[in-house]
Protein backbone atom coordinates (compact mmCIF):
# COMPACT_ATOMS: atom_id res chain seq x y z
CA MET A 1 -5.55 -3.43 19.74
CA ILE A 2 -3.66 -0.74 17.89
CA GLY A 3 0.15 -1.13 18.20
CA SER A 4 3.02 -2.76 16.59
CA LEU A 5 3.23 -6.48 15.64
CA ALA A 6 5.94 -6.97 18.15
CA GLU A 7 3.79 -5.31 20.99
CA LEU A 8 0.80 -7.49 20.04
CA ARG A 9 3.12 -10.69 19.91
CA ALA A 10 4.63 -9.87 23.54
CA ALA A 11 0.97 -9.39 24.81
CA LEU A 12 0.34 -12.65 23.53
CA ASP A 13 3.33 -14.51 24.88
CA GLU A 14 2.87 -13.02 28.23
CA GLY A 15 -0.62 -13.91 28.30
CA ARG A 16 -2.08 -10.61 28.74
CA THR A 17 -4.42 -11.05 25.72
CA THR A 18 -5.37 -14.02 23.64
CA SER A 19 -5.78 -14.29 19.91
CA LEU A 20 -9.54 -14.74 20.50
CA ALA A 21 -9.72 -11.50 22.27
CA LEU A 22 -7.96 -9.74 19.70
CA VAL A 23 -10.19 -11.16 17.05
CA GLU A 24 -13.38 -10.32 19.33
CA GLY A 25 -12.12 -6.68 19.56
CA ALA A 26 -11.34 -6.12 15.78
CA LEU A 27 -14.79 -7.53 14.83
CA SER A 28 -16.59 -5.28 17.51
CA ARG A 29 -15.09 -2.24 16.02
CA ALA A 30 -15.63 -3.30 12.35
CA LYS A 31 -19.35 -3.98 13.45
CA ALA A 32 -19.94 -0.94 15.39
CA PRO A 33 -22.67 1.13 13.62
CA GLU A 34 -20.90 4.59 14.37
CA GLY A 35 -17.68 3.23 12.88
CA GLU A 36 -16.40 2.77 9.46
CA GLY A 37 -16.41 -0.86 9.22
CA ALA A 38 -19.35 -1.07 6.67
CA ARG A 39 -17.19 0.88 4.43
CA VAL A 40 -13.81 -0.78 5.24
CA PHE A 41 -14.92 -4.26 4.71
CA THR A 42 -16.76 -6.00 1.84
CA ALA A 43 -16.88 -9.15 3.67
CA LEU A 44 -16.20 -10.11 7.40
CA HIS A 45 -15.06 -13.63 8.21
CA GLU A 46 -16.68 -13.76 11.85
CA GLU A 47 -16.84 -17.40 12.41
CA GLN A 48 -13.60 -18.60 10.51
CA ALA A 49 -11.79 -16.07 12.35
CA ARG A 50 -12.88 -17.01 15.83
CA ALA A 51 -12.35 -20.71 14.87
CA ALA A 52 -8.67 -19.75 13.55
CA ALA A 53 -8.17 -17.86 16.74
CA ARG A 54 -9.24 -20.61 19.10
CA ALA A 55 -6.81 -22.82 17.29
CA SER A 56 -3.91 -20.30 17.40
CA ASP A 57 -4.45 -20.12 21.28
CA VAL A 58 -4.09 -23.74 21.60
CA LEU A 59 -1.00 -23.80 19.47
CA ARG A 60 0.61 -20.90 21.59
CA GLN A 61 -0.45 -22.30 25.03
CA ALA A 62 1.43 -25.62 23.76
CA GLY A 63 4.42 -23.75 22.79
CA TYR A 64 4.26 -24.12 18.97
CA PRO A 65 3.48 -20.69 17.69
CA ARG A 66 4.34 -20.66 14.00
CA SER A 67 5.45 -17.38 13.43
CA PRO A 68 5.76 -13.81 14.81
CA ILE A 69 2.28 -13.16 13.43
CA GLU A 70 0.72 -16.25 15.16
CA GLY A 71 -2.78 -15.31 16.07
CA LEU A 72 -2.80 -11.65 14.89
CA PRO A 73 -5.97 -10.42 12.81
CA VAL A 74 -4.75 -9.39 9.53
CA SER A 75 -7.19 -7.82 6.79
CA VAL A 76 -7.07 -8.86 2.94
CA LYS A 77 -7.66 -6.62 0.26
CA ASP A 78 -10.57 -7.64 -2.05
CA LEU A 79 -8.38 -8.43 -4.97
CA PHE A 80 -6.99 -11.67 -3.49
CA ASP A 81 -8.35 -15.09 -4.22
CA ILE A 82 -9.72 -16.71 -0.73
CA LYS A 83 -10.90 -20.23 -1.51
CA GLY A 84 -14.75 -20.62 -1.66
CA GLU A 85 -15.31 -16.99 -2.06
CA THR A 86 -15.78 -14.45 -4.98
CA THR A 87 -13.05 -12.08 -5.77
CA ARG A 88 -14.72 -8.95 -6.65
CA ALA A 89 -11.96 -6.54 -6.68
CA GLY A 90 -14.04 -3.57 -5.33
CA SER A 91 -16.57 -4.11 -8.23
CA VAL A 92 -20.20 -5.28 -8.84
CA ALA A 93 -19.25 -6.45 -12.30
CA LEU A 94 -17.63 -9.53 -10.92
CA ASP A 95 -20.98 -10.41 -8.69
CA GLY A 96 -21.73 -13.88 -10.86
CA ALA A 97 -18.04 -14.79 -11.13
CA ALA A 98 -17.07 -18.51 -9.69
CA PRO A 99 -15.54 -18.71 -6.06
CA ALA A 100 -11.96 -19.08 -6.03
CA GLN A 101 -10.71 -22.82 -5.76
CA GLN A 102 -7.67 -21.96 -3.64
CA ASP A 103 -6.01 -19.28 -1.82
CA ALA A 104 -3.79 -16.81 -3.49
CA PRO A 105 -0.06 -17.55 -2.59
CA ALA A 106 0.29 -14.50 -0.57
CA VAL A 107 -2.91 -15.36 1.29
CA GLN A 108 -1.49 -19.14 1.87
CA ARG A 109 1.83 -17.69 3.49
CA LEU A 110 -0.21 -15.56 5.85
CA VAL A 111 -2.30 -18.45 6.87
CA ALA A 112 0.47 -20.94 7.17
CA ALA A 113 2.10 -18.27 9.49
CA GLY A 114 -0.94 -18.14 11.66
CA ALA A 115 -2.52 -14.86 10.64
CA ILE A 116 -6.33 -14.76 11.34
CA LEU A 117 -7.97 -13.46 8.23
CA ILE A 118 -10.48 -11.07 9.48
CA GLY A 119 -12.04 -10.05 6.25
CA ARG A 120 -11.87 -8.72 2.88
CA THR A 121 -11.24 -4.98 2.61
CA ASN A 122 -12.86 -2.46 0.37
CA MET A 123 -10.80 -0.80 -2.47
CA THR A 124 -11.01 1.50 -5.43
CA GLU A 125 -12.56 -0.67 -8.28
CA PHE A 126 -10.17 -2.97 -10.06
CA ALA A 127 -7.33 -0.98 -8.13
CA PHE A 128 -7.50 1.90 -10.50
CA PRO A 129 -7.61 5.47 -8.85
CA GLY A 130 -5.29 6.34 -6.19
CA LEU A 131 -7.62 8.38 -4.03
CA GLY A 132 -9.70 5.40 -2.46
CA LEU A 133 -13.44 6.40 -3.75
CA ASN A 134 -15.61 3.57 -4.18
CA PRO A 135 -19.32 4.32 -5.65
CA HIS A 136 -20.39 0.76 -5.13
CA TYR A 137 -19.49 0.13 -1.49
CA GLY A 138 -18.92 3.45 -0.24
CA THR A 139 -15.57 5.09 0.82
CA PRO A 140 -14.06 4.73 4.24
CA LEU A 141 -13.29 7.90 5.93
CA ASN A 142 -9.53 8.97 6.76
CA PRO A 143 -8.98 8.66 10.48
CA PHE A 144 -7.75 12.35 10.44
CA ASP A 145 -10.32 15.24 10.47
CA ARG A 146 -13.23 12.63 10.09
CA SER A 147 -15.76 15.40 10.72
CA THR A 148 -14.73 17.21 7.39
CA GLY A 149 -14.40 13.77 5.59
CA ARG A 150 -11.08 13.31 3.77
CA ILE A 151 -10.12 10.29 1.48
CA PRO A 152 -7.99 7.27 2.65
CA GLY A 153 -6.20 7.27 -0.40
CA GLY A 154 -6.11 4.06 -2.73
CA SER A 155 -6.55 1.59 -4.15
CA SER A 156 -5.89 -0.17 -0.75
CA SER A 157 -8.35 2.20 0.92
CA GLY A 158 -10.20 -0.03 3.34
CA ALA A 159 -6.56 -2.01 4.19
CA ALA A 160 -5.23 1.29 5.69
CA VAL A 161 -8.56 2.16 7.62
CA SER A 162 -8.99 -1.39 8.85
CA VAL A 163 -5.36 -0.88 10.63
CA THR A 164 -5.85 2.68 11.82
CA ASP A 165 -9.30 1.72 13.41
CA GLY A 166 -8.02 -1.21 15.31
CA MET A 167 -9.94 -3.64 12.85
CA ALA A 168 -7.02 -5.60 11.78
CA ALA A 169 -3.14 -5.46 13.27
CA ALA A 170 -1.90 -5.12 9.81
CA ALA A 171 -3.57 -5.46 6.00
CA LEU A 172 -2.19 -6.99 2.88
CA GLY A 173 -2.23 -4.70 -0.11
CA THR A 174 -1.17 -4.19 -3.51
CA ASP A 175 0.74 -1.34 -5.22
CA THR A 176 0.77 -0.56 -8.84
CA GLY A 177 1.53 3.06 -8.86
CA GLY A 178 1.35 3.61 -4.96
CA SER A 179 -1.64 1.64 -4.06
CA VAL A 180 0.22 0.53 -0.62
CA ARG A 181 2.25 3.67 -0.19
CA ILE A 182 -0.63 6.45 -0.73
CA PRO A 183 -3.21 5.10 1.85
CA ALA A 184 -0.22 4.56 4.31
CA ALA A 185 0.96 8.21 3.73
CA PHE A 186 -2.57 9.75 4.09
CA CYS A 187 -3.45 7.63 7.15
CA GLY A 188 -0.43 7.87 9.02
CA LEU A 189 0.94 4.36 8.64
CA THR A 190 3.78 2.67 7.01
CA GLY A 191 3.53 0.84 3.78
CA PHE A 192 6.13 -1.41 2.12
CA LYS A 193 5.95 -1.74 -1.88
CA PRO A 194 8.66 -4.53 -2.47
CA THR A 195 10.51 -5.30 -5.67
CA ALA A 196 7.49 -6.63 -7.94
CA ARG A 197 9.09 -10.12 -8.40
CA ARG A 198 9.67 -10.47 -4.57
CA VAL A 199 6.19 -11.63 -3.87
CA SER A 200 4.01 -13.85 -5.88
CA ARG A 201 0.95 -12.02 -7.75
CA GLN A 202 -0.80 -15.25 -8.41
CA GLY A 203 -4.36 -15.55 -7.44
CA ALA A 204 -4.63 -11.56 -7.45
CA VAL A 205 -6.81 -9.79 -10.06
CA PRO A 206 -4.04 -7.98 -12.08
CA LEU A 207 -4.07 -4.09 -12.94
CA SER A 208 -0.86 -3.98 -14.75
CA THR A 209 1.19 -7.13 -14.75
CA SER A 210 4.25 -4.93 -15.56
CA LEU A 211 3.88 -2.96 -12.47
CA ASP A 212 1.68 -4.81 -9.99
CA SER A 213 3.44 -5.70 -6.58
CA VAL A 214 2.09 -7.21 -3.28
CA GLY A 215 3.01 -5.58 -0.01
CA PRO A 216 1.80 -4.67 3.53
CA ILE A 217 0.37 -1.81 5.37
CA ALA A 218 1.21 -1.60 9.22
CA PRO A 219 1.96 0.55 12.12
CA THR A 220 5.94 0.46 11.75
CA VAL A 221 8.75 -0.42 9.56
CA ALA A 222 9.70 -3.50 11.62
CA CYS A 223 6.10 -4.66 11.16
CA CYS A 224 6.29 -4.27 7.31
CA ALA A 225 9.67 -6.12 7.31
CA THR A 226 8.13 -9.07 9.36
CA LEU A 227 5.21 -9.52 6.78
CA ASP A 228 7.51 -9.15 3.93
CA ALA A 229 9.51 -12.05 5.01
CA ILE A 230 6.52 -14.16 5.19
CA LEU A 231 4.93 -12.94 2.09
CA SER A 232 8.21 -13.23 -0.06
CA GLY A 233 9.03 -16.63 1.67
CA SER A 234 12.43 -15.18 2.41
CA GLY A 235 12.13 -15.95 6.26
CA ALA A 236 14.74 -13.27 6.74
CA ASP A 237 14.80 -11.55 10.22
CA VAL A 238 13.72 -7.92 10.55
CA PRO A 239 16.83 -6.21 9.31
CA ALA A 240 18.98 -4.23 12.03
CA PRO A 241 18.54 -0.49 11.45
CA ALA A 242 21.27 0.93 9.14
CA SER A 243 23.65 3.53 10.41
CA LEU A 244 22.91 6.96 9.74
CA GLU A 245 26.34 8.41 9.90
CA GLY A 246 27.43 8.94 6.42
CA LEU A 247 24.52 7.33 4.76
CA ARG A 248 23.82 8.93 1.54
CA LEU A 249 20.34 9.93 0.33
CA ALA A 250 19.33 11.73 -2.67
CA VAL A 251 16.32 14.21 -2.91
CA PRO A 252 15.31 14.09 -6.54
CA THR A 253 14.62 17.79 -7.48
CA THR A 254 12.91 17.01 -10.78
CA LEU A 255 9.10 16.66 -10.44
CA ALA A 256 9.10 14.87 -6.81
CA LEU A 257 9.06 18.09 -5.11
CA ASP A 258 6.58 20.12 -7.32
CA ALA A 259 3.20 21.36 -5.95
CA MET A 260 3.95 20.45 -2.42
CA ASP A 261 1.21 22.10 -0.04
CA ALA A 262 2.55 23.92 2.95
CA THR A 263 1.88 21.09 5.42
CA VAL A 264 3.78 18.58 3.42
CA ALA A 265 6.63 21.06 2.65
CA ALA A 266 7.01 21.81 6.45
CA ALA A 267 6.98 18.10 7.45
CA PHE A 268 9.59 17.01 4.76
CA LYS A 269 11.82 20.06 5.63
CA ALA A 270 11.87 19.25 9.30
CA ALA A 271 12.50 15.44 8.44
CA LEU A 272 15.45 16.48 6.39
CA ALA A 273 16.78 18.56 9.03
CA SER A 274 16.33 15.66 11.86
CA LEU A 275 18.14 13.27 9.57
CA SER A 276 21.06 15.71 8.61
CA GLN A 277 21.51 16.39 12.43
CA ALA A 278 21.79 12.64 12.73
CA GLY A 279 24.51 12.38 10.35
CA VAL A 280 22.95 11.71 7.05
CA ARG A 281 24.29 13.21 3.85
CA ILE A 282 21.57 14.60 1.86
CA SER A 283 22.01 15.64 -1.64
CA GLU A 284 19.77 17.26 -4.25
CA ILE A 285 19.84 15.72 -7.75
CA ALA A 286 18.27 16.33 -10.76
CA VAL A 287 16.49 13.15 -12.33
CA PRO A 288 15.55 14.38 -15.91
CA GLU A 289 13.93 10.94 -16.66
CA PHE A 290 11.25 11.65 -14.15
CA ALA A 291 10.17 14.67 -16.19
CA ALA A 292 9.93 12.52 -19.22
CA LEU A 293 7.50 9.75 -17.57
CA ALA A 294 4.23 11.64 -18.26
CA GLY A 295 5.18 11.71 -21.80
CA ILE A 296 5.91 8.05 -21.98
CA ASN A 297 2.64 7.20 -20.29
CA ALA A 298 0.46 9.90 -22.21
CA ARG A 299 -1.86 7.25 -24.02
CA GLY A 300 -2.49 5.11 -20.70
CA GLY A 301 0.99 3.38 -20.62
CA PHE A 302 1.32 -0.18 -19.33
CA THR A 303 -1.93 0.23 -16.98
CA ALA A 304 -4.23 0.76 -19.78
CA ALA A 305 -2.74 -1.80 -22.20
CA GLU A 306 -2.61 -4.48 -19.83
CA ALA A 307 -5.89 -3.74 -17.97
CA TRP A 308 -7.52 -3.83 -21.36
CA HIS A 309 -6.27 -7.26 -22.04
CA TRP A 310 -7.78 -8.67 -18.73
CA HIS A 311 -11.17 -6.69 -18.77
CA ARG A 312 -11.85 -6.59 -22.65
CA GLU A 313 -14.38 -9.42 -22.44
CA LEU A 314 -15.78 -8.39 -19.07
CA ILE A 315 -16.19 -4.68 -19.80
CA GLU A 316 -17.94 -5.38 -23.12
CA ARG A 317 -20.46 -7.69 -21.13
CA GLU A 318 -20.80 -5.57 -17.82
CA GLY A 319 -19.40 -2.15 -18.60
CA ASP A 320 -22.55 -0.46 -17.59
CA ARG A 321 -21.94 -1.78 -13.96
CA TYR A 322 -18.14 -0.33 -13.80
CA ASP A 323 -17.52 2.88 -12.01
CA PRO A 324 -17.39 5.33 -15.20
CA ARG A 325 -14.20 6.84 -13.74
CA VAL A 326 -12.48 3.50 -13.92
CA SER A 327 -13.83 2.13 -17.29
CA VAL A 328 -12.90 5.22 -19.11
CA ARG A 329 -9.21 4.68 -18.27
CA ILE A 330 -9.48 0.83 -19.02
CA ARG A 331 -10.97 1.56 -22.52
CA ARG A 332 -7.74 3.68 -23.50
CA GLY A 333 -5.91 0.46 -23.41
CA LYS A 334 -8.26 -0.56 -26.64
CA GLU A 335 -6.32 1.92 -28.90
CA LEU A 336 -2.86 0.71 -28.25
CA SER A 337 -1.40 -1.54 -30.76
CA ALA A 338 1.13 -4.38 -30.24
CA ALA A 339 3.83 -2.11 -31.60
CA ASP A 340 2.89 0.52 -29.11
CA TYR A 341 3.24 -2.05 -26.35
CA ILE A 342 6.66 -3.22 -27.74
CA ASP A 343 7.75 0.64 -27.84
CA LEU A 344 6.87 0.62 -24.05
CA LEU A 345 8.79 -2.32 -23.03
CA GLU A 346 11.85 -0.74 -24.81
CA THR A 347 11.36 2.60 -23.60
CA ARG A 348 10.76 1.40 -20.04
CA ALA A 349 14.12 -0.82 -20.05
CA ALA A 350 16.25 2.39 -21.38
CA TRP A 351 14.58 4.54 -18.94
CA ILE A 352 15.41 2.07 -16.02
CA THR A 353 18.97 1.78 -16.91
CA ALA A 354 19.19 5.65 -17.02
CA VAL A 355 17.65 6.18 -13.61
CA GLU A 356 19.69 3.27 -11.95
CA ALA A 357 22.95 4.95 -13.24
CA ARG A 358 22.05 8.40 -11.94
CA ILE A 359 21.07 7.22 -8.54
CA ALA A 360 23.80 4.61 -8.11
CA PRO A 361 26.01 6.73 -5.98
CA PHE A 362 23.26 7.12 -3.24
CA ASP A 363 21.91 4.70 -0.76
CA ALA A 364 18.26 5.68 -1.40
CA LEU A 365 16.06 8.31 -2.86
CA ILE A 366 13.95 10.38 -0.30
CA MET A 367 11.09 12.42 -1.23
CA PRO A 368 7.35 13.09 -0.10
CA THR A 369 5.47 9.88 -0.60
CA VAL A 370 2.40 12.47 -1.87
CA PRO A 371 2.88 16.19 -2.26
CA VAL A 372 -0.48 17.03 -0.36
CA ILE A 373 -2.36 15.73 2.47
CA ALA A 374 -5.55 13.98 2.13
CA PRO A 375 -7.95 15.95 0.05
CA LYS A 376 -11.75 16.49 0.91
CA LEU A 377 -13.91 13.51 -0.21
CA ALA A 378 -17.21 15.66 -1.21
CA GLU A 379 -15.11 17.87 -3.36
CA LEU A 380 -13.62 14.92 -5.34
CA GLU A 381 -17.18 13.27 -5.53
CA ALA A 382 -18.78 16.40 -6.90
CA ASP A 383 -16.27 17.26 -9.70
CA ASP A 384 -14.55 14.88 -12.37
CA ALA A 385 -11.98 17.38 -13.33
CA HIS A 386 -10.81 18.00 -10.11
CA PHE A 387 -11.00 13.99 -9.54
CA ALA A 388 -8.64 13.49 -12.34
CA THR A 389 -6.23 16.28 -11.82
CA THR A 390 -5.99 15.23 -8.02
CA ASN A 391 -5.53 11.76 -8.98
CA LEU A 392 -2.52 12.38 -10.96
CA LEU A 393 -0.92 14.43 -8.38
CA VAL A 394 -1.44 11.84 -5.65
CA LEU A 395 0.12 8.99 -7.81
CA ARG A 396 3.05 11.07 -9.15
CA ASN A 397 5.71 10.24 -6.98
CA ALA A 398 4.70 6.96 -6.05
CA THR A 399 4.29 5.72 -9.68
CA LEU A 400 8.10 6.87 -10.54
CA ILE A 401 9.21 3.69 -8.37
CA ASN A 402 6.78 1.32 -9.94
CA PHE A 403 8.06 2.11 -13.50
CA LEU A 404 11.56 1.98 -12.11
CA ASP A 405 10.68 -1.71 -11.01
CA GLY A 406 12.14 -0.61 -7.67
CA CYS A 407 11.31 -0.67 -3.89
CA ALA A 408 9.99 1.83 -1.61
CA LEU A 409 8.77 2.62 2.09
CA SER A 410 6.18 5.20 3.25
CA LEU A 411 6.76 6.12 6.69
CA PRO A 412 5.00 8.95 8.81
CA CYS A 413 7.02 12.25 9.19
CA HIS A 414 4.35 14.48 10.41
CA ARG A 415 3.85 15.32 14.13
CA ARG A 416 1.31 13.64 16.00
CA GLY A 417 -2.08 15.33 16.08
CA GLU A 418 -1.09 16.88 12.79
CA ALA A 419 -2.57 15.77 9.36
CA PRO A 420 -0.43 12.82 8.14
CA VAL A 421 2.57 13.17 5.88
CA GLY A 422 4.39 10.07 4.27
CA LEU A 423 8.19 10.11 3.65
CA MET A 424 9.16 7.93 0.87
CA LEU A 425 12.42 6.05 0.74
CA ALA A 426 13.33 4.19 -2.36
CA ALA A 427 15.84 2.53 -4.26
CA ALA A 428 16.43 0.30 -7.48
CA GLY A 429 14.75 -3.36 -7.59
CA GLY A 430 16.25 -5.84 -5.43
CA GLN A 431 17.36 -3.78 -2.41
CA ASP A 432 14.47 -4.44 -0.42
CA GLN A 433 16.30 -5.40 2.65
CA ARG A 434 18.38 -2.31 2.56
CA VAL A 435 15.48 -0.06 2.19
CA LEU A 436 13.82 -1.79 5.13
CA ALA A 437 16.96 -1.24 7.20
CA ILE A 438 17.38 2.57 6.23
CA GLY A 439 13.52 2.81 7.11
CA GLN A 440 14.18 1.57 10.55
CA ALA A 441 17.09 4.07 11.16
CA VAL A 442 15.03 6.98 9.75
CA GLU A 443 12.04 5.98 11.73
CA GLN A 444 14.14 5.99 14.87
CA ALA A 445 15.48 9.34 14.07
CA LEU A 446 12.38 11.01 13.47
CA ALA A 447 10.79 9.62 16.58
CA ALA A 448 11.76 12.23 18.82
CA ALA A 449 10.87 15.10 16.49
CA ARG A 450 7.42 13.67 15.72
CA ALA A 451 6.43 13.29 19.22
């Protein structure tokens, strides 16, 4: 089933497959004992998916497909409410919570568009670390170098692997500090983090109400644009690729290029060379505000403060059921006062103004999504200090764009067969369609070099 949404849609339209056949294939892969399905999904919707697929096939046969994703299996991160189910957010602390009374708006839009909800995907507990580890439900392995056992990235870990392993055509995720883009980068997929206000976050367990955004993980930029139009309710067509001739892309030299491993550095350099040959004007710029962000967030930032607000009663009651690596970060928020929080709001507003002015002459920023390839799972499980430093490194570049309240796309830039590397294109808030148009052009320009 692995292919773009457009390819799958064509196969359905031409009668080469059916929605039911796609669903059966996805379920078969998810249930295969030798596969990753047991760690990818916290729940499979077998009978519901089959029933929805049969209905979708009837609608298509009658000539009434509801959208470009009619009949396609889509996975949903276990952060979103689905009517009649308990939303556990990758935790066991919510086992006794009441079932959701209705679908989250993002889920409603997928269902209304004809998507088949194949199941709930595993994630890092309460969407905290960016590495993808989960001690409660297991950690799905990255599709690259599976014999070694590498992390998938997080927090939308199961979401990414559900797509790479053909258990879903696309996945619904969230991104607070890279939780869509990091697993997309590590797993060789495309992930889109929209401007936060673009897609409703209602009905999703929050991590940080200031930083959370809802976005897709899928095979291509056009796939992400299709899903974004549905999730946002914009109904916009997939934007045409931007012209690369004279396009102005800025490489931030402050922080974003630090500590790159050899594989990422080589892939990023090659991508820039390909784009330059295609007519893109690439400039290196200093963004000193990026260097200030670690200090701004030194006491936990919005994530700690706003997570503590949501968790404070649950963690006092069920704290021994939390992953200790998660609970320690949430509890940091207890130490922040109302004055500290207001300071954060004011500091962020000034920071955004300064960064937006600095990047205004350019069409987008371009940088590695993550400065390293996917680390080995066993090493992170065994060493808390290594886990903590790796987590900060993996989150670093992506977090810059969440704090900016911007939009960003991660797309693959590695050669096929090599370790996956993500290339991030980002811009200020509200420029979502422009970033998607640039992303399509960049994807096309890199296609030959990646072959």
